[in-house]
Amino acid sequence: MGVGLVFLNCRNFWRRHRRKILVASGVIGTGYFLYRLYNGHQRRLSDLERELANERELDELLKAQMQAHFENIQRIADSVTLPHSMEYLSCRIAEELDLSPLTERLMRGKDQPNTLTSVEKIELWERLKLQSFTKMVVSLWAVTMLSLYTRVQVNILGRRLYIDTARDLGSAILIEDADLIDREDEQKYLASADFLANNGITTLISCFQAAAGEILKGKQLKDFCNGTILRATAMQIIDRFMGNGSPHHWLDYIIPADLNKLSIASTSDATIHPNASKFDLLMMETRAVLSSAEFGNVVEVSLKAMVDGLIEEMERQSEGNFNIGSGMPLAKILPRLVQICPSILNRPGENPFLQIIKDVQEVEIFFTLLYGNTGNA
């Protein structure tokens, strides 16, 4: 009887409050579902934030490592690669353009007037004019190119080695196709910086001498010359040399011609020569960099900065006794050119002209982008 009464009361209660109970149950169920959905969403957001934080931390670490490696590569270029090549280049230019016989004969003619006729004196002075300007512009051009070339080398090599190392460290197994560079290829590649001094310098001097002869043809020894005129003359000779011949003809003085042909053929066919060694691939990449419009702009800006630095250095070395700004006869400037050429070819650390190249903003930007360009690596 008691159970029946309870059942009856429950049924009556359900009838009276069924709608409320159903609505309340629906609300509670929906609320619980939304809570679970929200809680899961929050957990996923938290996991995603941790992943993003870890990725940012790893990215910052990689950036810091690459920056440190990049800076170390630039130091290697200045302290290891360039000094040897500069010393050898200096010796070769001194051998090929030895002005001491001309200056000694002129000095003897000054001390002993009867030893030279007026025609002989004029001839010697004309030869000194041509040789002095030739040695100046050859030294400026060669030092600029060698400095930029060695820096291109170490950035390409350093970037490849860094990527290969990072690739190996990031894999649990040995990557069979890793583009590792063996020691022999590396040494051979770095040694290519001496091609200019070994093979290219004689022809380079001859071409610059021809360009200097054309520009200096109308300039007399008695003509007034100041810093502006000297700067313009040097740039005219350099521009004449760079403009003669086919585009990028000057690469033949820096890179062996057979490697140039291999690079051109591979570029035109859009394929890599099947017999190309890793050394050849490095040289092909180097030539592609040197042939780029961006590198051409860097060369142009660097050469202008070097010529400007030459004028400033001539004034500095004279310790106030030589004012290139006020001007003087060209014949009096020639001995100054002879004196300053060795300083253009000084070893790094003692060479203000190498620092001029490093300080050019376009140079810094170019090599930062070159090192960071991993598209061809």
Protein backbone atom coordinates (compact mmCIF):
# COMPACT_ATOMS: atom_id res chain seq x y z
CA MET A 1 0.00 0.00 0.00
CA GLY A 2 2.82 2.37 0.96
CA VAL A 3 4.80 1.52 -2.20
CA GLY A 4 1.80 2.10 -4.40
CA LEU A 5 1.22 5.46 -2.82
CA VAL A 6 4.84 6.49 -3.44
CA PHE A 7 4.63 5.35 -7.03
CA LEU A 8 1.39 7.30 -7.49
CA ASN A 9 2.95 10.43 -6.04
CA CYS A 10 5.98 10.09 -8.28
CA ARG A 11 3.79 9.68 -11.34
CA ASN A 12 1.72 12.69 -10.42
CA PHE A 13 4.91 14.67 -9.78
CA TRP A 14 6.27 13.62 -13.20
CA ARG A 15 3.05 14.63 -14.90
CA ARG A 16 3.02 18.03 -13.27
CA HIS A 17 6.79 18.76 -13.71
CA ARG A 18 7.72 16.63 -16.75
CA ARG A 19 8.47 19.61 -18.96
CA LYS A 20 10.60 21.30 -16.32
CA ILE A 21 12.52 18.08 -15.66
CA LEU A 22 13.17 17.55 -19.36
CA VAL A 23 14.30 21.17 -19.88
CA ALA A 24 16.52 21.00 -16.78
CA SER A 25 18.04 17.71 -17.93
CA GLY A 26 18.66 19.15 -21.38
CA VAL A 27 20.29 22.25 -19.93
CA ILE A 28 22.47 20.19 -17.59
CA GLY A 29 23.47 17.81 -20.40
CA THR A 30 24.21 20.63 -22.78
CA GLY A 31 26.17 22.44 -20.11
CA TYR A 32 28.22 19.36 -19.37
CA PHE A 33 28.87 18.84 -23.10
CA LEU A 34 29.90 22.47 -23.55
CA TYR A 35 32.14 22.23 -20.51
CA ARG A 36 33.87 19.16 -21.91
CA LEU A 37 34.18 20.86 -25.30
CA TYR A 38 35.59 24.04 -23.74
CA ASN A 39 37.97 22.09 -21.51
CA GLY A 40 39.26 20.09 -24.50
CA HIS A 41 39.63 23.28 -26.52
CA GLN A 42 41.60 24.91 -23.71
CA ARG A 43 43.88 21.87 -23.45
CA ARG A 44 44.50 21.98 -27.21
CA LEU A 45 45.21 25.71 -27.01
CA SER A 46 47.61 25.11 -24.13
CA ASP A 47 49.38 22.34 -26.05
CA LEU A 48 49.56 24.54 -29.16
CA GLU A 49 50.98 27.45 -27.16
CA ARG A 50 53.65 25.14 -25.69
CA GLU A 51 54.52 23.88 -29.16
CA LEU A 52 54.73 27.41 -30.52
CA ALA A 53 56.88 28.48 -27.56
CA ASN A 54 59.18 25.51 -28.15
CA GLU A 55 59.38 26.33 -31.87
CA ARG A 56 60.15 29.99 -31.13
CA GLU A 57 62.82 28.96 -28.67
CA LEU A 58 64.34 26.55 -31.20
CA ASP A 59 64.10 29.19 -33.94
CA GLU A 60 65.87 31.76 -31.76
CA LEU A 61 68.53 29.20 -30.90
CA LEU A 62 69.10 28.38 -34.57
CA LYS A 63 69.22 32.08 -35.46
CA ALA A 64 71.78 32.70 -32.71
CA GLN A 65 73.84 29.72 -33.86
CA MET A 66 73.73 30.84 -37.51
CA GLN A 67 74.65 34.41 -36.54
CA ALA A 68 77.60 33.18 -34.48
CA HIS A 69 78.66 30.87 -37.31
CA PHE A 70 78.29 33.71 -39.86
CA GLU A 71 80.45 36.04 -37.77
CA ASN A 72 83.03 33.31 -37.33
CA ILE A 73 83.10 32.76 -41.10
CA GLN A 74 83.82 36.45 -41.68
CA ARG A 75 86.70 36.29 -39.19
CA ILE A 76 88.10 33.25 -40.97
CA ALA A 77 88.05 35.18 -44.24
CA ASP A 78 90.00 38.06 -42.70
CA SER A 79 92.47 36.10 -40.58
CA VAL A 80 93.12 32.89 -42.52
CA THR A 81 92.02 32.90 -46.15
CA LEU A 82 92.82 36.46 -47.21
CA PRO A 83 96.30 37.04 -45.68
CA HIS A 84 97.99 34.26 -47.67
CA SER A 85 96.35 35.30 -50.94
CA MET A 86 97.13 38.99 -50.33
CA GLU A 87 100.80 38.31 -49.68
CA TYR A 88 101.15 36.28 -52.86
CA LEU A 89 99.22 38.84 -54.92
CA SER A 90 101.43 41.65 -53.58
CA CYS A 91 104.58 39.78 -54.63
CA ARG A 92 103.23 39.12 -58.12
CA ILE A 93 102.19 42.73 -58.75
CA ALA A 94 105.55 43.94 -57.44
CA GLU A 95 107.30 41.58 -59.86
CA GLU A 96 105.19 42.47 -62.86
CA LEU A 97 105.08 46.23 -62.21
CA ASP A 98 108.48 47.09 -60.77
CA LEU A 99 108.81 50.86 -61.09
CA SER A 100 112.20 51.12 -59.38
CA PRO A 101 114.26 51.02 -62.64
CA LEU A 102 112.29 54.01 -63.97
CA THR A 103 112.52 56.03 -60.77
CA GLU A 104 116.22 55.25 -60.33
CA ARG A 105 117.04 56.39 -63.87
CA LEU A 106 115.08 59.60 -63.33
CA MET A 107 116.88 60.23 -60.03
CA ARG A 108 120.27 59.69 -61.66
CA GLY A 109 119.26 62.06 -64.44
CA LYS A 110 118.35 64.65 -61.83
CA ASP A 111 121.65 64.28 -59.97
CA GLN A 112 123.67 63.96 -63.18
CA PRO A 113 121.91 66.11 -65.81
CA ASN A 114 124.24 65.13 -68.62
CA THR A 115 123.36 61.43 -68.42
CA LEU A 116 119.90 61.88 -69.99
CA THR A 117 118.76 63.92 -72.95
CA SER A 118 115.54 65.92 -72.73
CA VAL A 119 113.84 63.46 -75.05
CA GLU A 120 114.89 60.54 -72.84
CA LYS A 121 113.65 62.34 -69.73
CA ILE A 122 110.26 62.97 -71.31
CA GLU A 123 110.07 59.37 -72.45
CA LEU A 124 110.90 58.10 -68.95
CA TRP A 125 108.35 60.41 -67.37
CA GLU A 126 105.68 59.28 -69.82
CA ARG A 127 106.46 55.65 -69.04
CA LEU A 128 106.35 56.42 -65.32
CA LYS A 129 102.97 58.14 -65.77
CA LEU A 130 101.51 55.13 -67.54
CA GLN A 131 103.06 52.56 -65.20
CA SER A 132 102.16 54.47 -62.03
CA PHE A 133 98.49 54.75 -62.94
CA THR A 134 98.47 51.15 -64.15
CA LYS A 135 99.93 49.85 -60.89
CA MET A 136 97.53 51.98 -58.85
CA VAL A 137 94.35 50.80 -60.59
CA VAL A 138 95.54 47.17 -60.88
CA SER A 139 96.28 47.16 -57.15
CA LEU A 140 92.91 48.69 -56.27
CA TRP A 141 90.97 46.38 -58.58
CA ALA A 142 92.85 43.20 -57.64
CA VAL A 143 92.64 43.82 -53.88
CA THR A 144 88.93 44.62 -54.13
CA MET A 145 88.19 41.50 -56.17
CA LEU A 146 90.37 39.22 -54.05
CA SER A 147 88.78 40.49 -50.84
CA LEU A 148 85.26 39.99 -52.19
CA TYR A 149 86.11 36.66 -53.83
CA THR A 150 87.56 35.08 -50.69
CA ARG A 151 84.56 36.28 -48.72
CA VAL A 152 82.21 34.72 -51.29
CA GLN A 153 84.17 31.47 -50.93
CA VAL A 154 84.03 31.20 -47.16
CA ASN A 155 80.36 32.16 -47.03
CA ILE A 156 79.38 29.52 -49.59
CA LEU A 157 81.58 26.89 -47.98
CA GLY A 158 80.60 27.82 -44.43
CA ARG A 159 76.90 27.82 -45.25
CA ARG A 160 77.10 24.39 -46.90
CA LEU A 161 79.07 22.90 -44.01
CA TYR A 162 76.67 24.39 -41.46
CA ILE A 163 73.61 23.02 -43.25
CA ASP A 164 75.18 19.58 -43.70
CA THR A 165 76.13 19.46 -40.02
CA ALA A 166 72.67 20.58 -38.89
CA ARG A 167 71.09 18.06 -41.25
CA ASP A 168 73.11 15.20 -39.77
CA LEU A 169 72.48 16.29 -36.19
CA GLY A 170 68.77 16.54 -36.84
CA SER A 171 68.48 12.99 -38.16
CA ALA A 172 68.61 9.78 -36.17
CA ILE A 173 70.10 7.93 -39.15
CA LEU A 174 72.87 8.71 -41.59
CA ILE A 175 71.56 10.63 -44.59
CA GLU A 176 73.03 8.95 -47.61
CA ASP A 177 72.66 11.89 -49.99
CA ALA A 178 74.08 14.53 -47.63
CA ASP A 179 76.14 16.94 -49.72
CA LEU A 180 79.21 16.74 -47.52
CA ILE A 181 82.42 18.34 -48.80
CA ASP A 182 85.57 16.36 -48.23
CA ARG A 183 88.83 17.93 -47.13
CA GLU A 184 90.47 17.69 -50.54
CA ASP A 185 87.61 19.54 -52.28
CA GLU A 186 87.63 22.18 -49.55
CA GLN A 187 91.38 22.83 -49.84
CA LYS A 188 91.24 22.88 -53.63
CA TYR A 189 88.32 25.30 -53.52
CA LEU A 190 90.05 27.71 -51.14
CA ALA A 191 93.28 27.48 -53.16
CA SER A 192 91.42 28.80 -56.20
CA ALA A 193 91.76 32.28 -54.68
CA ASP A 194 95.37 32.23 -55.94
CA PHE A 195 94.30 31.88 -59.57
CA LEU A 196 94.38 35.66 -60.00
CA ALA A 197 97.99 35.92 -58.83
CA ASN A 198 99.08 32.68 -60.54
CA ASN A 199 97.42 32.93 -63.91
CA GLY A 200 95.42 36.09 -64.38
CA ILE A 201 97.70 38.89 -63.27
CA THR A 202 99.90 39.24 -66.37
CA THR A 203 96.98 39.58 -68.79
CA LEU A 204 95.10 41.73 -66.29
CA ILE A 205 98.00 44.19 -66.13
CA SER A 206 98.24 44.29 -69.91
CA CYS A 207 94.53 45.09 -70.24
CA PHE A 208 94.63 47.76 -67.55
CA GLN A 209 97.73 49.28 -69.15
CA ALA A 210 95.86 49.56 -72.46
CA ALA A 211 92.89 51.19 -70.71
CA ALA A 212 95.20 53.59 -68.83
CA GLY A 213 96.97 54.51 -72.08
CA GLU A 214 93.64 55.49 -73.66
CA ILE A 215 92.53 57.64 -70.71
CA LEU A 216 95.94 59.28 -70.11
CA LYS A 217 96.58 60.02 -73.76
CA GLY A 218 95.50 63.64 -73.49
CA LYS A 219 96.98 64.33 -70.03
CA GLN A 220 100.30 66.16 -69.95
CA LEU A 221 102.81 66.00 -67.10
CA LYS A 222 102.50 69.75 -66.56
CA ASP A 223 98.68 69.63 -66.39
CA PHE A 224 97.07 70.73 -63.16
CA CYS A 225 95.71 67.79 -61.14
CA ASN A 226 93.78 67.71 -57.86
CA GLY A 227 91.86 65.10 -55.92
CA THR A 228 88.74 65.42 -58.06
CA ILE A 229 90.68 64.98 -61.29
CA LEU A 230 92.74 62.10 -59.90
CA ARG A 231 89.60 60.34 -58.65
CA ALA A 232 87.86 60.79 -62.00
CA THR A 233 90.92 59.55 -63.92
CA ALA A 234 91.22 56.39 -61.82
CA MET A 235 87.51 55.60 -62.21
CA GLN A 236 87.66 56.25 -65.97
CA ILE A 237 90.49 53.72 -66.33
CA ILE A 238 88.62 51.14 -64.23
CA ASP A 239 85.37 51.73 -66.12
CA ARG A 240 87.15 51.45 -69.46
CA PHE A 241 88.64 48.10 -68.43
CA MET A 242 85.35 46.76 -67.04
CA GLY A 243 83.46 47.90 -70.15
CA ASN A 244 85.84 46.37 -72.69
CA GLY A 245 84.98 42.90 -73.96
CA SER A 246 82.00 40.70 -73.21
CA PRO A 247 79.94 41.03 -70.02
CA HIS A 248 81.75 39.53 -67.03
CA HIS A 249 84.94 39.12 -69.09
CA TRP A 250 86.86 40.03 -65.95
CA LEU A 251 85.85 36.66 -64.44
CA ASP A 252 88.50 35.04 -66.64
CA TYR A 253 91.16 36.67 -64.46
CA ILE A 254 89.65 35.19 -61.28
CA ILE A 255 88.25 31.77 -62.27
CA PRO A 256 89.77 29.26 -64.73
CA ALA A 257 88.19 29.51 -68.17
CA ASP A 258 87.26 25.80 -68.31
CA LEU A 259 85.20 26.19 -65.11
CA ASN A 260 83.56 29.29 -66.60
CA LYS A 261 82.54 27.26 -69.68
CA LEU A 262 81.22 24.44 -67.49
CA SER A 263 79.15 26.92 -65.48
CA ILE A 264 77.77 28.62 -68.60
CA ALA A 265 76.84 25.28 -70.18
CA SER A 266 75.09 24.08 -67.02
CA THR A 267 73.20 27.36 -66.67
CA SER A 268 72.04 27.40 -70.29
CA ASP A 269 70.92 23.75 -70.18
CA ALA A 270 69.37 24.13 -66.71
CA THR A 271 71.16 20.90 -65.78
CA ILE A 272 74.24 19.94 -63.81
CA HIS A 273 77.08 18.39 -65.78
CA PRO A 274 77.09 14.65 -64.96
CA ASN A 275 80.88 14.58 -64.53
CA ALA A 276 81.01 17.65 -62.28
CA SER A 277 82.83 17.04 -58.99
CA LYS A 278 81.85 18.71 -55.72
CA PHE A 279 84.71 21.13 -56.32
CA ASP A 280 83.21 21.94 -59.73
CA LEU A 281 79.80 22.49 -58.13
CA LEU A 282 81.31 24.89 -55.61
CA MET A 283 83.05 26.81 -58.38
CA MET A 284 79.87 26.88 -60.47
CA GLU A 285 77.96 28.32 -57.52
CA THR A 286 80.74 30.85 -56.98
CA ARG A 287 80.64 31.93 -60.59
CA ALA A 288 76.86 32.30 -60.42
CA VAL A 289 77.29 34.62 -57.44
CA LEU A 290 80.04 36.65 -59.14
CA SER A 291 77.93 36.98 -62.29
CA SER A 292 74.88 38.28 -60.45
CA ALA A 293 73.68 41.85 -60.75
CA GLU A 294 73.84 42.18 -56.95
CA PHE A 295 77.54 41.31 -56.90
CA GLY A 296 78.15 43.71 -59.80
CA ASN A 297 76.62 46.49 -57.69
CA VAL A 298 78.83 45.53 -54.74
CA VAL A 299 81.94 45.64 -56.96
CA GLU A 300 81.01 49.07 -58.33
CA VAL A 301 80.35 50.58 -54.91
CA SER A 302 83.51 49.00 -53.43
CA LEU A 303 85.77 50.28 -56.22
CA LYS A 304 84.43 53.81 -55.81
CA ALA A 305 85.00 53.61 -52.06
CA MET A 306 88.55 52.34 -52.66
CA VAL A 307 89.39 55.22 -55.01
CA ASP A 308 88.00 57.71 -52.49
CA GLY A 309 90.08 56.03 -49.79
CA LEU A 310 93.17 56.31 -52.00
CA ILE A 311 92.87 60.10 -52.14
CA GLU A 312 92.41 60.31 -48.37
CA GLU A 313 95.35 57.96 -47.73
CA MET A 314 97.65 59.99 -49.98
CA GLU A 315 96.90 63.08 -47.90
CA ARG A 316 97.33 61.16 -44.63
CA GLN A 317 100.68 59.65 -45.60
CA SER A 318 102.03 63.05 -46.65
CA GLU A 319 101.51 64.38 -43.07
CA GLY A 320 100.33 67.75 -44.36
CA ASN A 321 103.07 68.20 -46.94
CA PHE A 322 100.82 67.18 -49.80
CA ASN A 323 97.44 68.79 -50.33
CA ILE A 324 95.71 66.94 -53.11
CA GLY A 325 92.73 69.24 -52.71
CA SER A 326 94.59 72.38 -53.85
CA GLY A 327 96.18 70.53 -56.77
CA MET A 328 99.61 70.49 -58.44
CA PRO A 329 101.21 69.42 -61.72
CA LEU A 330 100.62 65.78 -62.62
CA ALA A 331 104.39 65.09 -62.63
CA LYS A 332 104.54 65.87 -58.89
CA ILE A 333 101.67 63.50 -58.11
CA LEU A 334 103.28 60.49 -59.82
CA PRO A 335 105.89 59.88 -57.07
CA ARG A 336 103.02 59.89 -54.54
CA LEU A 337 101.25 57.20 -56.53
CA VAL A 338 104.43 55.12 -56.58
CA GLN A 339 104.75 55.44 -52.80
CA ILE A 340 101.16 54.55 -51.97
CA CYS A 341 100.82 51.38 -54.07
CA PRO A 342 102.54 49.11 -51.47
CA SER A 343 100.04 50.19 -48.80
CA ILE A 344 97.16 49.09 -51.04
CA LEU A 345 98.70 45.60 -51.06
CA ASN A 346 99.53 45.39 -47.34
CA ARG A 347 98.46 42.33 -45.36
CA PRO A 348 95.14 42.44 -43.45
CA GLY A 349 95.44 44.29 -40.16
CA GLU A 350 97.88 46.75 -41.71
CA ASN A 351 95.80 47.57 -44.76
CA PRO A 352 93.33 50.47 -44.44
CA PHE A 353 91.87 49.68 -47.87
CA LEU A 354 90.58 46.26 -46.81
CA GLN A 355 88.75 47.92 -43.95
CA ILE A 356 87.19 50.34 -46.44
CA ILE A 357 85.63 47.40 -48.30
CA LYS A 358 84.35 45.82 -45.07
CA ASP A 359 82.75 49.10 -44.02
CA VAL A 360 80.72 49.49 -47.22
CA GLN A 361 77.10 48.89 -46.18
CA GLU A 362 76.19 47.20 -49.47
CA VAL A 363 79.00 44.68 -48.91
CA GLU A 364 77.76 43.78 -45.44
CA ILE A 365 74.17 43.37 -46.64
CA PHE A 366 75.23 41.31 -49.66
CA PHE A 367 77.17 38.75 -47.64
CA THR A 368 74.49 38.53 -44.98
CA LEU A 369 71.98 37.62 -47.71
CA LEU A 370 74.45 35.28 -49.41
CA TYR A 371 75.04 33.32 -46.23
CA GLY A 372 71.34 33.17 -45.46
CA ASN A 373 70.39 31.99 -48.96
CA THR A 374 69.87 28.26 -48.53
CA GLY A 375 67.94 27.76 -51.75
CA ASN A 376 70.86 26.21 -53.64
CA ALA A 377 72.41 24.40 -50.72
